Amino acid sequence: MDFIIDIIKKIVGLFTGK
């Protein structure tokens, strides 16, 4: 389930990048 971690990191990046 590495793809799930990648997606989560992308979503988190959007929040942290805000």
Protein backbone atom coordinates (compact mmCIF):
# COMPACT_ATOMS: atom_id res chain seq x y z
CA MET A 1 0.00 0.00 0.00
CA ASP A 2 2.84 2.42 -0.80
CA PHE A 3 0.58 4.31 -3.21
CA ILE A 4 -1.70 5.25 -0.31
CA ILE A 5 1.22 6.83 1.56
CA ASP A 6 2.19 8.80 -1.54
CA ILE A 7 -1.35 10.14 -1.90
CA ILE A 8 -1.50 11.06 1.79
CA LYS A 9 1.84 12.86 1.52
CA LYS A 10 0.48 14.82 -1.45
CA ILE A 11 -2.64 15.84 0.47
CA VAL A 12 -0.59 16.75 3.55
CA GLY A 13 1.74 18.75 1.32
CA LEU A 14 -1.21 20.83 0.14
CA PHE A 15 -2.17 21.65 3.73
CA THR A 16 1.40 22.31 4.86
CA GLY A 17 2.15 24.21 1.67
CA LYS A 18 -0.76 26.56 2.38
